[in-house]
PDB file of N, CA and C in Angstrom:
ATOM      1  N   UNK A   1       0.831  -1.198   0.000  1.00  0.00           N
ATOM      2  CA  UNK A   1       0.000   0.000   0.000  1.00  0.00           C
ATOM      3  C   UNK A   1       0.870   1.254   0.000  1.00  0.00           C
ATOM      4  N   UNK A   2       0.396   2.239  -0.658  1.00  0.00           N
ATOM      5  CA  UNK A   2       1.075   3.521  -0.689  1.00  0.00           C
ATOM      6  C   UNK A   2       0.917   4.210   0.659  1.00  0.00           C
ATOM      7  N   UNK A   3       1.921   4.963   1.020  1.00  0.00           N
ATOM      8  CA  UNK A   3       1.815   5.730   2.259  1.00  0.00           C
ATOM      9  C   UNK A   3       1.058   7.031   2.033  1.00  0.00           C
ATOM     10  N   UNK A   4       0.721   7.339   0.791  1.00  0.00           N
ATOM     11  CA  UNK A   4       0.005   8.570   0.477  1.00  0.00           C
ATOM     12  C   UNK A   4      -1.501   8.333   0.517  1.00  0.00           C
ATOM     13  N   UNK A   5      -2.229   9.314   1.039  1.00  0.00           N
ATOM     14  CA  UNK A   5      -3.681   9.231   1.115  1.00  0.00           C
ATOM     15  C   UNK A   5      -4.296  10.432   0.392  1.00  0.00           C
ATOM     16  N   UNK A   6      -5.586  10.336   0.114  1.00  0.00           N
ATOM     17  CA  UNK A   6      -6.290  11.457  -0.511  1.00  0.00           C
ATOM     18  C   UNK A   6      -6.218  12.696   0.383  1.00  0.00           C
ATOM     19  N   UNK A   7      -6.295  12.493   1.693  1.00  0.00           N
ATOM     20  CA  UNK A   7      -6.227  13.620   2.627  1.00  0.00           C
ATOM     21  C   UNK A   7      -4.872  14.326   2.597  1.00  0.00           C
ATOM     22  N   UNK A   8      -3.832  13.635   2.146  1.00  0.00           N
ATOM     23  CA  UNK A   8      -2.515  14.255   2.007  1.00  0.00           C
ATOM     24  C   UNK A   8      -2.325  14.899   0.636  1.00  0.00           C
ATOM     25  N   UNK A   9      -2.825  14.234  -0.399  1.00  0.00           N
ATOM     26  CA  UNK A   9      -2.538  14.657  -1.771  1.00  0.00           C
ATOM     27  C   UNK A   9      -3.472  15.771  -2.247  1.00  0.00           C
ATOM     28  N   UNK A  10      -4.745  15.704  -1.910  1.00  0.00           N
ATOM     29  CA  UNK A  10      -5.681  16.738  -2.364  1.00  0.00           C
ATOM     30  C   UNK A  10      -5.259  18.140  -1.910  1.00  0.00           C
ATOM     31  N   UNK A  11      -4.813  18.326  -0.670  1.00  0.00           N
ATOM     32  CA  UNK A  11      -4.341  19.665  -0.289  1.00  0.00           C
ATOM     33  C   UNK A  11      -3.132  20.139  -1.111  1.00  0.00           C
ATOM     34  N   UNK A  12      -2.313  19.215  -1.586  1.00  0.00           N
ATOM     35  CA  UNK A  12      -1.185  19.598  -2.443  1.00  0.00           C
ATOM     36  C   UNK A  12      -1.688  20.134  -3.778  1.00  0.00           C
ATOM     37  N   UNK A  13      -2.718  19.493  -4.324  1.00  0.00           N
ATOM     38  CA  UNK A  13      -3.309  19.976  -5.574  1.00  0.00           C
ATOM     39  C   UNK A  13      -3.944  21.353  -5.366  1.00  0.00           C
ATOM     40  N   UNK A  14      -4.637  21.515  -4.260  1.00  0.00           N
ATOM     41  CA  UNK A  14      -5.242  22.823  -3.962  1.00  0.00           C
ATOM     42  C   UNK A  14      -4.157  23.893  -3.784  1.00  0.00           C
ATOM     43  N   UNK A  15      -3.065  23.534  -3.146  1.00  0.00           N
ATOM     44  CA  UNK A  15      -1.961  24.488  -2.964  1.00  0.00           C
ATOM     45  C   UNK A  15      -1.383  24.906  -4.313  1.00  0.00           C
ATOM     46  N   UNK A  16      -1.319  23.970  -5.255  1.00  0.00           N
ATOM     47  CA  UNK A  16      -0.856  24.308  -6.598  1.00  0.00           C
ATOM     48  C   UNK A  16      -1.784  25.288  -7.281  1.00  0.00           C
ATOM     49  N   UNK A  17      -3.082  25.026  -7.206  1.00  0.00           N
ATOM     50  CA  UNK A  17      -4.057  25.949  -7.790  1.00  0.00           C
ATOM     51  C   UNK A  17      -4.013  27.309  -7.091  1.00  0.00           C
ATOM     52  N   UNK A  18      -3.872  27.299  -5.773  1.00  0.00           N
ATOM     53  CA  UNK A  18      -3.769  28.564  -5.038  1.00  0.00           C
ATOM     54  C   UNK A  18      -2.553  29.360  -5.515  1.00  0.00           C
ATOM     55  N   UNK A  19      -1.443  28.670  -5.758  1.00  0.00           N
ATOM     56  CA  UNK A  19      -0.237  29.332  -6.263  1.00  0.00           C
ATOM     57  C   UNK A  19      -0.489  29.916  -7.650  1.00  0.00           C
ATOM     58  N   UNK A  20      -1.212  29.173  -8.492  1.00  0.00           N
ATOM     59  CA  UNK A  20      -1.539  29.688  -9.829  1.00  0.00           C
ATOM     60  C   UNK A  20      -2.450  30.914  -9.749  1.00  0.00           C
ATOM     61  N   UNK A  21      -3.315  30.952  -8.754  1.00  0.00           N
ATOM     62  CA  UNK A  21      -4.205  32.107  -8.570  1.00  0.00           C
ATOM     63  C   UNK A  21      -3.452  33.322  -8.028  1.00  0.00           C
ATOM     64  N   UNK A  22      -2.278  33.094  -7.456  1.00  0.00           N
ATOM     65  CA  UNK A  22      -1.476  34.183  -6.889  1.00  0.00           C
ATOM     66  C   UNK A  22      -0.239  34.480  -7.735  1.00  0.00           C
ATOM     67  N   UNK A  23      -0.177  33.919  -8.942  1.00  0.00           N
ATOM     68  CA  UNK A  23       0.980  34.091  -9.840  1.00  0.00           C
ATOM     69  C   UNK A  23       2.289  33.626  -9.203  1.00  0.00           C
ATOM     70  N   UNK A  24       2.207  32.557  -8.403  1.00  0.00           N
ATOM     71  CA  UNK A  24       3.391  31.963  -7.783  1.00  0.00           C
ATOM     72  C   UNK A  24       3.615  30.530  -8.253  1.00  0.00           C
ATOM     73  N   UNK A  25       3.037  30.178  -9.411  1.00  0.00           N
ATOM     74  CA  UNK A  25       3.110  28.808  -9.894  1.00  0.00           C
ATOM     75  C   UNK A  25       4.521  28.312 -10.146  1.00  0.00           C
ATOM     76  N   UNK A  26       5.371  29.153 -10.706  1.00  0.00           N
ATOM     77  CA  UNK A  26       6.745  28.746 -10.994  1.00  0.00           C
ATOM     78  C   UNK A  26       7.487  28.339  -9.735  1.00  0.00           C
ATOM     79  N   UNK A  27       7.414  29.161  -8.709  1.00  0.00           N
ATOM     80  CA  UNK A  27       8.095  28.859  -7.451  1.00  0.00           C
ATOM     81  C   UNK A  27       7.499  27.620  -6.788  1.00  0.00           C
ATOM     82  N   UNK A  28       6.165  27.524  -6.794  1.00  0.00           N
ATOM     83  CA  UNK A  28       5.517  26.384  -6.144  1.00  0.00           C
ATOM     84  C   UNK A  28       5.907  25.073  -6.822  1.00  0.00           C
ATOM     85  N   UNK A  29       5.704  24.998  -8.136  1.00  0.00           N
ATOM     86  CA  UNK A  29       5.967  23.740  -8.830  1.00  0.00           C
ATOM     87  C   UNK A  29       7.453  23.436  -8.930  1.00  0.00           C
ATOM     88  N   UNK A  30       8.296  24.463  -8.944  1.00  0.00           N
ATOM     89  CA  UNK A  30       9.735  24.225  -8.919  1.00  0.00           C
ATOM     90  C   UNK A  30      10.164  23.472  -7.673  1.00  0.00           C
ATOM     91  N   UNK A  31       9.498  23.753  -6.553  1.00  0.00           N
ATOM     92  CA  UNK A  31       9.811  23.061  -5.311  1.00  0.00           C
ATOM     93  C   UNK A  31       9.057  21.763  -5.114  1.00  0.00           C
ATOM     94  N   UNK A  32       7.948  21.583  -5.815  1.00  0.00           N
ATOM     95  CA  UNK A  32       7.105  20.399  -5.631  1.00  0.00           C
ATOM     96  C   UNK A  32       7.474  19.256  -6.575  1.00  0.00           C
ATOM     97  N   UNK A  33       7.934  19.579  -7.777  1.00  0.00           N
ATOM     98  CA  UNK A  33       8.177  18.554  -8.801  1.00  0.00           C
ATOM     99  C   UNK A  33       9.494  17.819  -8.564  1.00  0.00           C
ATOM    100  N   UNK A  34       9.519  16.533  -8.940  1.00  0.00           N
ATOM    101  CA  UNK A  34      10.774  15.793  -8.946  1.00  0.00           C
ATOM    102  C   UNK A  34      11.649  16.351 -10.068  1.00  0.00           C
ATOM    103  N   UNK A  35      12.938  16.067 -10.007  1.00  0.00           N
ATOM    104  CA  UNK A  35      13.859  16.593 -11.022  1.00  0.00           C
ATOM    105  C   UNK A  35      13.478  16.158 -12.432  1.00  0.00           C
ATOM    106  N   UNK A  36      12.934  14.946 -12.567  1.00  0.00           N
ATOM    107  CA  UNK A  36      12.607  14.408 -13.891  1.00  0.00           C
ATOM    108  C   UNK A  36      11.105  14.443 -14.192  1.00  0.00           C
ATOM    109  N   UNK A  37      10.357  15.240 -13.456  1.00  0.00           N
ATOM    110  CA  UNK A  37       8.902  15.318 -13.626  1.00  0.00           C
ATOM    111  C   UNK A  37       8.522  15.895 -14.987  1.00  0.00           C
ATOM    112  N   UNK A  38       7.292  15.563 -15.408  1.00  0.00           N
ATOM    113  CA  UNK A  38       6.767  16.031 -16.691  1.00  0.00           C
ATOM    114  C   UNK A  38       5.333  16.518 -16.495  1.00  0.00           C
ATOM    115  N   UNK A  39       4.999  17.623 -17.149  1.00  0.00           N
ATOM    116  CA  UNK A  39       3.624  18.113 -17.263  1.00  0.00           C
ATOM    117  C   UNK A  39       3.166  17.842 -18.687  1.00  0.00           C
ATOM    118  N   UNK A  40       2.037  17.146 -18.865  1.00  0.00           N
ATOM    119  CA  UNK A  40       1.444  16.903 -20.180  1.00  0.00           C
ATOM    120  C   UNK A  40       0.172  17.741 -20.242  1.00  0.00           C
ATOM    121  N   UNK A  41       0.154  18.714 -21.143  1.00  0.00           N
ATOM    122  CA  UNK A  41      -0.923  19.701 -21.180  1.00  0.00           C
ATOM    123  C   UNK A  41      -1.909  19.434 -22.309  1.00  0.00           C
ATOM    124  N   UNK A  42      -3.076  20.070 -22.229  1.00  0.00           N
ATOM    125  CA  UNK A  42      -4.140  19.837 -23.207  1.00  0.00           C
ATOM    126  C   UNK A  42      -3.737  20.236 -24.619  1.00  0.00           C
ATOM    127  N   UNK A  43      -2.772  21.115 -24.757  1.00  0.00           N
ATOM    128  CA  UNK A  43      -2.338  21.525 -26.098  1.00  0.00           C
ATOM    129  C   UNK A  43      -1.372  20.530 -26.736  1.00  0.00           C
ATOM    130  N   UNK A  44      -1.081  19.437 -26.030  1.00  0.00           N
ATOM    131  CA  UNK A  44      -0.201  18.406 -26.567  1.00  0.00           C
ATOM    132  C   UNK A  44       1.250  18.555 -26.166  1.00  0.00           C
ATOM    133  N   UNK A  45       1.585  19.585 -25.429  1.00  0.00           N
ATOM    134  CA  UNK A  45       2.976  19.767 -25.027  1.00  0.00           C
ATOM    135  C   UNK A  45       3.292  18.933 -23.789  1.00  0.00           C
ATOM    136  N   UNK A  46       4.550  18.523 -23.697  1.00  0.00           N
ATOM    137  CA  UNK A  46       5.065  17.806 -22.537  1.00  0.00           C
ATOM    138  C   UNK A  46       6.261  18.605 -22.030  1.00  0.00           C
ATOM    139  N   UNK A  47       6.120  19.178 -20.844  1.00  0.00           N
ATOM    140  CA  UNK A  47       7.114  20.104 -20.323  1.00  0.00           C
ATOM    141  C   UNK A  47       7.922  19.489 -19.189  1.00  0.00           C
ATOM    142  N   UNK A  48       9.222  19.753 -19.193  1.00  0.00           N
ATOM    143  CA  UNK A  48      10.091  19.357 -18.092  1.00  0.00           C
ATOM    144  C   UNK A  48       9.870  20.296 -16.908  1.00  0.00           C
ATOM    145  N   UNK A  49      10.464  19.958 -15.797  1.00  0.00           N
ATOM    146  CA  UNK A  49      10.346  20.813 -14.611  1.00  0.00           C
ATOM    147  C   UNK A  49      10.820  22.235 -14.919  1.00  0.00           C
ATOM    148  N   UNK A  50      11.984  22.374 -15.537  1.00  0.00           N
ATOM    149  CA  UNK A  50      12.505  23.709 -15.849  1.00  0.00           C
ATOM    150  C   UNK A  50      11.579  24.466 -16.794  1.00  0.00           C
ATOM    151  N   UNK A  51      10.997  23.770 -17.759  1.00  0.00           N
ATOM    152  CA  UNK A  51      10.071  24.415 -18.694  1.00  0.00           C
ATOM    153  C   UNK A  51       8.783  24.843 -17.997  1.00  0.00           C
ATOM    154  N   UNK A  52       8.315  24.035 -17.059  1.00  0.00           N
ATOM    155  CA  UNK A  52       7.117  24.396 -16.289  1.00  0.00           C
ATOM    156  C   UNK A  52       7.381  25.667 -15.490  1.00  0.00           C
ATOM    157  N   UNK A  53       8.500  25.691 -14.780  1.00  0.00           N
ATOM    158  CA  UNK A  53       8.833  26.860 -13.964  1.00  0.00           C
ATOM    159  C   UNK A  53       8.911  28.109 -14.837  1.00  0.00           C
ATOM    160  N   UNK A  54       9.608  28.010 -15.974  1.00  0.00           N
ATOM    161  CA  UNK A  54       9.753  29.163 -16.868  1.00  0.00           C
ATOM    162  C   UNK A  54       8.405  29.607 -17.438  1.00  0.00           C
ATOM    163  N   UNK A  55       7.544  28.650 -17.762  1.00  0.00           N
ATOM    164  CA  UNK A  55       6.254  29.004 -18.370  1.00  0.00           C
ATOM    165  C   UNK A  55       5.303  29.644 -17.364  1.00  0.00           C
ATOM    166  N   UNK A  56       5.458  29.318 -16.094  1.00  0.00           N
ATOM    167  CA  UNK A  56       4.543  29.853 -15.084  1.00  0.00           C
ATOM    168  C   UNK A  56       5.019  31.166 -14.479  1.00  0.00           C
ATOM    169  N   UNK A  57       6.308  31.457 -14.597  1.00  0.00           N
ATOM    170  CA  UNK A  57       6.802  32.745 -14.112  1.00  0.00           C
ATOM    171  C   UNK A  57       6.183  33.851 -14.951  1.00  0.00           C
ATOM    172  N   UNK A  58       5.425  34.712 -14.338  1.00  0.00           N
ATOM    173  CA  UNK A  58       4.793  35.812 -15.048  1.00  0.00           C
ATOM    174  C   UNK A  58       3.513  35.458 -15.776  1.00  0.00           C
ATOM    175  N   UNK A  59       3.041  34.226 -15.641  1.00  0.00           N
ATOM    176  CA  UNK A  59       1.782  33.833 -16.293  1.00  0.00           C
ATOM    177  C   UNK A  59       0.611  34.547 -15.617  1.00  0.00           C
ATOM    178  N   UNK A  60      -0.444  34.856 -16.373  1.00  0.00           N
ATOM    179  CA  UNK A  60      -1.618  35.498 -15.757  1.00  0.00           C
ATOM    180  C   UNK A  60      -2.206  34.619 -14.651  1.00  0.00           C
ATOM    181  N   UNK A  61      -2.628  35.256 -13.588  1.00  0.00           N
ATOM    182  CA  UNK A  61      -3.213  34.527 -12.461  1.00  0.00           C
ATOM    183  C   UNK A  61      -4.627  34.074 -12.799  1.00  0.00           C
ATOM    184  N   UNK A  62      -4.991  32.888 -12.317  1.00  0.00           N
ATOM    185  CA  UNK A  62      -6.379  32.443 -12.398  1.00  0.00           C
ATOM    186  C   UNK A  62      -7.171  33.210 -11.355  1.00  0.00           C
ATOM    187  N   UNK A  63      -8.428  33.507 -11.671  1.00  0.00           N
ATOM    188  CA  UNK A  63      -9.294  34.215 -10.727  1.00  0.00           C
ATOM    189  C   UNK A  63      -9.894  33.274  -9.691  1.00  0.00           C
ATOM    190  N   UNK A  64     -10.062  32.023 -10.045  1.00  0.00           N
ATOM    191  CA  UNK A  64     -10.624  31.048  -9.130  1.00  0.00           C
ATOM    192  C   UNK A  64     -10.675  29.678  -9.771  1.00  0.00           C
ATOM    193  N   UNK A  65     -10.933  28.673  -8.956  1.00  0.00           N
ATOM    194  CA  UNK A  65     -10.981  27.294  -9.442  1.00  0.00           C
ATOM    195  C   UNK A  65     -11.902  26.467  -8.561  1.00  0.00           C
ATOM    196  N   UNK A  66     -12.338  25.349  -9.109  1.00  0.00           N
ATOM    197  CA  UNK A  66     -13.113  24.355  -8.360  1.00  0.00           C
ATOM    198  C   UNK A  66     -12.533  22.987  -8.678  1.00  0.00           C
ATOM    199  N   UNK A  67     -12.447  22.151  -7.678  1.00  0.00           N
ATOM    200  CA  UNK A  67     -12.028  20.761  -7.838  1.00  0.00           C
ATOM    201  C   UNK A  67     -13.201  19.893  -7.421  1.00  0.00           C
ATOM    202  N   UNK A  68     -13.535  18.899  -8.239  1.00  0.00           N
ATOM    203  CA  UNK A  68     -14.629  17.991  -7.879  1.00  0.00           C
ATOM    204  C   UNK A  68     -14.269  16.561  -8.257  1.00  0.00           C
ATOM    205  N   UNK A  69     -14.919  15.626  -7.586  1.00  0.00           N
ATOM    206  CA  UNK A  69     -14.773  14.214  -7.906  1.00  0.00           C
ATOM    207  C   UNK A  69     -13.391  13.640  -7.668  1.00  0.00           C
ATOM    208  N   UNK A  70     -12.653  14.182  -6.727  1.00  0.00           N
ATOM    209  CA  UNK A  70     -11.285  13.710  -6.490  1.00  0.00           C
ATOM    210  C   UNK A  70     -11.280  12.286  -5.947  1.00  0.00           C
ATOM    211  N   UNK A  71     -10.391  11.491  -6.509  1.00  0.00           N
ATOM    212  CA  UNK A  71     -10.191  10.129  -5.990  1.00  0.00           C
ATOM    213  C   UNK A  71      -8.723   9.759  -6.124  1.00  0.00           C
ATOM    214  N   UNK A  72      -8.292   8.843  -5.285  1.00  0.00           N
ATOM    215  CA  UNK A  72      -6.898   8.417  -5.255  1.00  0.00           C
ATOM    216  C   UNK A  72      -6.778   7.019  -5.833  1.00  0.00           C
ATOM    217  N   UNK A  73      -5.751   6.820  -6.641  1.00  0.00           N
ATOM    218  CA  UNK A  73      -5.440   5.512  -7.214  1.00  0.00           C
ATOM    219  C   UNK A  73      -4.061   5.115  -6.696  1.00  0.00           C
ATOM    220  N   UNK A  74      -3.996   4.000  -5.993  1.00  0.00           N
ATOM    221  CA  UNK A  74      -2.706   3.534  -5.487  1.00  0.00           C
ATOM    222  C   UNK A  74      -1.861   3.038  -6.656  1.00  0.00           C
ATOM    223  N   UNK A  75      -0.645   3.522  -6.752  1.00  0.00           N
ATOM    224  CA  UNK A  75       0.254   3.148  -7.847  1.00  0.00           C
ATOM    225  C   UNK A  75       1.279   2.125  -7.379  1.00  0.00           C
ATOM    226  N   UNK A  76       1.709   2.221  -6.156  1.00  0.00           N
ATOM    227  CA  UNK A  76       2.698   1.307  -5.600  1.00  0.00           C
ATOM    228  C   UNK A  76       3.144   1.827  -4.250  1.00  0.00           C
ATOM    229  N   UNK A  77       4.168   1.196  -3.712  1.00  0.00           N
ATOM    230  CA  UNK A  77       4.706   1.641  -2.432  1.00  0.00           C
ATOM    231  C   UNK A  77       5.214   3.071  -2.572  1.00  0.00           C
ATOM    232  N   UNK A  78       4.727   3.954  -1.734  1.00  0.00           N
ATOM    233  CA  UNK A  78       5.145   5.357  -1.719  1.00  0.00           C
ATOM    234  C   UNK A  78       4.811   6.110  -2.992  1.00  0.00           C
ATOM    235  N   UNK A  79       3.750   5.717  -3.687  1.00  0.00           N
ATOM    236  CA  UNK A  79       3.326   6.441  -4.892  1.00  0.00           C
ATOM    237  C   UNK A  79       1.817   6.294  -5.067  1.00  0.00           C
ATOM    238  N   UNK A  80       1.188   7.388  -5.505  1.00  0.00           N
ATOM    239  CA  UNK A  80      -0.258   7.379  -5.739  1.00  0.00           C
ATOM    240  C   UNK A  80      -0.600   8.440  -6.773  1.00  0.00           C
ATOM    241  N   UNK A  81      -1.726   8.215  -7.447  1.00  0.00           N
ATOM    242  CA  UNK A  81      -2.232   9.180  -8.425  1.00  0.00           C
ATOM    243  C   UNK A  81      -3.538   9.756  -7.908  1.00  0.00           C
ATOM    244  N   UNK A  82      -3.718  11.041  -8.104  1.00  0.00           N
ATOM    245  CA  UNK A  82      -4.992  11.684  -7.814  1.00  0.00           C
ATOM    246  C   UNK A  82      -5.611  12.074  -9.153  1.00  0.00           C
ATOM    247  N   UNK A  83      -6.903  11.827  -9.274  1.00  0.00           N
ATOM    248  CA  UNK A  83      -7.647  12.157 -10.490  1.00  0.00           C
ATOM    249  C   UNK A  83      -8.846  13.000 -10.066  1.00  0.00           C
ATOM    250  N   UNK A  84      -9.086  14.096 -10.783  1.00  0.00           N
ATOM    251  CA  UNK A  84     -10.213  14.965 -10.448  1.00  0.00           C
ATOM    252  C   UNK A  84     -10.592  15.826 -11.644  1.00  0.00           C
ATOM    253  N   UNK A  85     -11.739  16.437 -11.527  1.00  0.00           N
ATOM    254  CA  UNK A  85     -12.205  17.398 -12.529  1.00  0.00           C
ATOM    255  C   UNK A  85     -11.907  18.792 -11.979  1.00  0.00           C
ATOM    256  N   UNK A  86     -11.381  19.652 -12.851  1.00  0.00           N
ATOM    257  CA  UNK A  86     -11.092  21.029 -12.455  1.00  0.00           C
ATOM    258  C   UNK A  86     -11.806  21.998 -13.380  1.00  0.00           C
ATOM    259  N   UNK A  87     -12.219  23.084 -12.794  1.00  0.00           N
ATOM    260  CA  UNK A  87     -12.821  24.191 -13.548  1.00  0.00           C
ATOM    261  C   UNK A  87     -12.158  25.457 -13.033  1.00  0.00           C
ATOM    262  N   UNK A  88     -11.532  26.201 -13.942  1.00  0.00           N
ATOM    263  CA  UNK A  88     -10.834  27.425 -13.548  1.00  0.00           C
ATOM    264  C   UNK A  88     -11.295  28.577 -14.425  1.00  0.00           C
ATOM    265  N   UNK A  89     -11.349  29.761 -13.838  1.00  0.00           N
ATOM    266  CA  UNK A  89     -11.811  30.940 -14.573  1.00  0.00           C
ATOM    267  C   UNK A  89     -10.759  32.043 -14.505  1.00  0.00           C
ATOM    268  N   UNK A  90     -10.757  32.811 -15.593  1.00  0.00           N
ATOM    269  CA  UNK A  90      -9.871  33.967 -15.691  1.00  0.00           C
ATOM    270  C   UNK A  90     -10.568  34.998 -16.557  1.00  0.00           C
ATOM    271  N   UNK A  91     -10.501  36.253 -16.171  1.00  0.00           N
ATOM    272  CA  UNK A  91     -11.213  37.321 -16.890  1.00  0.00           C
ATOM    273  C   UNK A  91     -10.839  37.427 -18.357  1.00  0.00           C
ATOM    274  N   UNK A  92      -9.601  37.081 -18.705  1.00  0.00           N
ATOM    275  CA  UNK A  92      -9.162  37.243 -20.092  1.00  0.00           C
ATOM    276  C   UNK A  92      -9.537  36.064 -20.988  1.00  0.00           C
ATOM    277  N   UNK A  93     -10.207  35.067 -20.444  1.00  0.00           N
ATOM    278  CA  UNK A  93     -10.627  33.908 -21.239  1.00  0.00           C
ATOM    279  C   UNK A  93     -12.131  33.977 -21.503  1.00  0.00           C
ATOM    280  N   UNK A  94     -12.565  33.599 -22.706  1.00  0.00           N
ATOM    281  CA  UNK A  94     -13.991  33.685 -23.035  1.00  0.00           C
ATOM    282  C   UNK A  94     -14.856  32.661 -22.299  1.00  0.00           C
ATOM    283  N   UNK A  95     -14.238  31.575 -21.850  1.00  0.00           N
ATOM    284  CA  UNK A  95     -14.987  30.515 -21.167  1.00  0.00           C
ATOM    285  C   UNK A  95     -14.091  29.894 -20.100  1.00  0.00           C
ATOM    286  N   UNK A  96     -14.684  29.250 -19.094  1.00  0.00           N
ATOM    287  CA  UNK A  96     -13.874  28.564 -18.095  1.00  0.00           C
ATOM    288  C   UNK A  96     -13.030  27.459 -18.728  1.00  0.00           C
ATOM    289  N   UNK A  97     -11.893  27.187 -18.128  1.00  0.00           N
ATOM    290  CA  UNK A  97     -11.053  26.058 -18.507  1.00  0.00           C
ATOM    291  C   UNK A  97     -11.540  24.864 -17.700  1.00  0.00           C
ATOM    292  N   UNK A  98     -11.941  23.798 -18.393  1.00  0.00           N
ATOM    293  CA  UNK A  98     -12.424  22.597 -17.715  1.00  0.00           C
ATOM    294  C   UNK A  98     -11.672  21.392 -18.244  1.00  0.00           C
ATOM    295  N   UNK A  99     -11.161  20.566 -17.331  1.00  0.00           N
ATOM    296  CA  UNK A  99     -10.385  19.396 -17.740  1.00  0.00           C
ATOM    297  C   UNK A  99     -10.378  18.366 -16.625  1.00  0.00           C
ATOM    298  N   UNK A 100     -10.075  17.138 -17.012  1.00  0.00           N
ATOM    299  CA  UNK A 100      -9.752  16.104 -16.039  1.00  0.00           C
ATOM    300  C   UNK A 100      -8.264  16.219 -15.773  1.00  0.00           C
ATOM    301  N   UNK A 101      -7.901  16.150 -14.513  1.00  0.00           N
ATOM    302  CA  UNK A 101      -6.505  16.265 -14.114  1.00  0.00           C
ATOM    303  C   UNK A 101      -6.079  14.967 -13.454  1.00  0.00           C
ATOM    304  N   UNK A 102      -4.853  14.590 -13.705  1.00  0.00           N
ATOM    305  CA  UNK A 102      -4.272  13.476 -12.965  1.00  0.00           C
ATOM    306  C   UNK A 102      -2.846  13.845 -12.602  1.00  0.00           C
ATOM    307  N   UNK A 103      -2.501  13.566 -11.372  1.00  0.00           N
ATOM    308  CA  UNK A 103      -1.163  13.849 -10.861  1.00  0.00           C
ATOM    309  C   UNK A 103      -0.660  12.613 -10.145  1.00  0.00           C
ATOM    310  N   UNK A 104       0.578  12.251 -10.428  1.00  0.00           N
ATOM    311  CA  UNK A 104       1.210  11.136  -9.729  1.00  0.00           C
ATOM    312  C   UNK A 104       2.236  11.706  -8.760  1.00  0.00           C
ATOM    313  N   UNK A 105       2.077  11.337  -7.503  1.00  0.00           N
ATOM    314  CA  UNK A 105       2.996  11.756  -6.450  1.00  0.00           C
ATOM    315  C   UNK A 105       3.811  10.562  -5.980  1.00  0.00           C
ATOM    316  N   UNK A 106       5.049  10.824  -5.653  1.00  0.00           N
ATOM    317  CA  UNK A 106       5.925   9.819  -5.082  1.00  0.00           C
ATOM    318  C   UNK A 106       6.614  10.426  -3.867  1.00  0.00           C
ATOM    319  N   UNK A 107       6.921   9.609  -2.885  1.00  0.00           N
ATOM    320  CA  UNK A 107       7.596  10.113  -1.695  1.00  0.00           C
ATOM    321  C   UNK A 107       9.098  10.114  -1.959  1.00  0.00           C
ATOM    322  N   UNK A 108       9.694  11.290  -1.851  1.00  0.00           N
ATOM    323  CA  UNK A 108      11.141  11.452  -2.002  1.00  0.00           C
ATOM    324  C   UNK A 108      11.643  12.240  -0.800  1.00  0.00           C
ATOM    325  N   UNK A 109      12.676  11.727  -0.177  1.00  0.00           N
ATOM    326  CA  UNK A 109      13.252  12.389   0.999  1.00  0.00           C
ATOM    327  C   UNK A 109      12.191  12.679   2.057  1.00  0.00           C
ATOM    328  N   UNK A 110      11.243  11.739   2.198  1.00  0.00           N
ATOM    329  CA  UNK A 110      10.243  11.832   3.252  1.00  0.00           C
ATOM    330  C   UNK A 110       9.058  12.735   2.977  1.00  0.00           C
ATOM    331  N   UNK A 111       8.950  13.277   1.759  1.00  0.00           N
ATOM    332  CA  UNK A 111       7.800  14.141   1.466  1.00  0.00           C
ATOM    333  C   UNK A 111       7.262  13.858   0.074  1.00  0.00           C
ATOM    334  N   UNK A 112       5.959  14.104  -0.136  1.00  0.00           N
ATOM    335  CA  UNK A 112       5.374  13.883  -1.460  1.00  0.00           C
ATOM    336  C   UNK A 112       5.943  14.868  -2.476  1.00  0.00           C
ATOM    337  N   UNK A 113       6.273  14.331  -3.652  1.00  0.00           N
ATOM    338  CA  UNK A 113       6.765  15.162  -4.754  1.00  0.00           C
ATOM    339  C   UNK A 113       5.978  14.794  -5.999  1.00  0.00           C
ATOM    340  N   UNK A 114       5.728  15.765  -6.841  1.00  0.00           N
ATOM    341  CA  UNK A 114       4.951  15.575  -8.062  1.00  0.00           C
ATOM    342  C   UNK A 114       5.853  15.041  -9.175  1.00  0.00           C
ATOM    343  N   UNK A 115       5.515  13.852  -9.698  1.00  0.00           N
ATOM    344  CA  UNK A 115       6.323  13.220 -10.740  1.00  0.00           C
ATOM    345  C   UNK A 115       5.710  13.367 -12.129  1.00  0.00           C
ATOM    346  N   UNK A 116       4.375  13.367 -12.211  1.00  0.00           N
ATOM    347  CA  UNK A 116       3.704  13.475 -13.508  1.00  0.00           C
ATOM    348  C   UNK A 116       2.357  14.153 -13.314  1.00  0.00           C
ATOM    349  N   UNK A 117       2.068  15.085 -14.200  1.00  0.00           N
ATOM    350  CA  UNK A 117       0.788  15.795 -14.186  1.00  0.00           C
ATOM    351  C   UNK A 117       0.253  15.791 -15.606  1.00  0.00           C
ATOM    352  N   UNK A 118      -1.031  15.452 -15.761  1.00  0.00           N
ATOM    353  CA  UNK A 118      -1.627  15.433 -17.097  1.00  0.00           C
ATOM    354  C   UNK A 118      -3.004  16.069 -17.074  1.00  0.00           C
ATOM    355  N   UNK A 119      -3.278  16.869 -18.120  1.00  0.00           N
ATOM    356  CA  UNK A 119      -4.591  17.476 -18.327  1.00  0.00           C
ATOM    357  C   UNK A 119      -5.253  16.796 -19.514  1.00  0.00           C
ATOM    358  N   UNK A 120      -6.534  16.487 -19.381  1.00  0.00           N
ATOM    359  CA  UNK A 120      -7.333  15.964 -20.488  1.00  0.00           C
ATOM    360  C   UNK A 120      -8.540  16.877 -20.646  1.00  0.00           C
ATOM    361  N   UNK A 121      -8.639  17.521 -21.795  1.00  0.00           N
ATOM    362  CA  UNK A 121      -9.719  18.478 -22.025  1.00  0.00           C
ATOM    363  C   UNK A 121     -11.075  17.779 -22.006  1.00  0.00           C
ATOM    364  N   UNK A 122     -12.052  18.458 -21.448  1.00  0.00           N
ATOM    365  CA  UNK A 122     -13.425  17.962 -21.451  1.00  0.00           C
ATOM    366  C   UNK A 122     -14.169  18.592 -22.620  1.00  0.00           C
ATOM    367  N   UNK A 123     -15.008  17.820 -23.297  1.00  0.00           N
ATOM    368  CA  UNK A 123     -15.772  18.396 -24.412  1.00  0.00           C
ATOM    369  C   UNK A 123     -16.735  19.461 -23.905  1.00  0.00           C
ATOM    370  N   UNK A 124     -16.961  20.460 -24.724  1.00  0.00           N
ATOM    371  CA  UNK A 124     -17.885  21.541 -24.345  1.00  0.00           C
ATOM    372  C   UNK A 124     -19.261  21.231 -24.843  1.00  0.00           C
TER     373      UNK A 124
END
């Protein structure tokens, strides 16, 4: 069984969204991601940790977000995936951003670290 629980991982996802709402995403994810972590985005790009940090530095802040339907999938010892639906809004976008999110966390040096994050667009 994984040592990670939904009660541990969901607050990490919320902290990431909170950082994005405060334009602190680069700093947050730079400290949360493993060295070899990857973000797979709805536009088809796959970004390394350094690319994620660079892309989020100075990015427009989200005005708000909602997370629903969160569930945890055990991946192995000291690793788990969280899957949820997210809805985020920003004044400069014509419509909310809605997607299924999945994040895989692994325990490194005694703390959860983000190893893989993927967005899957939801049909409108």
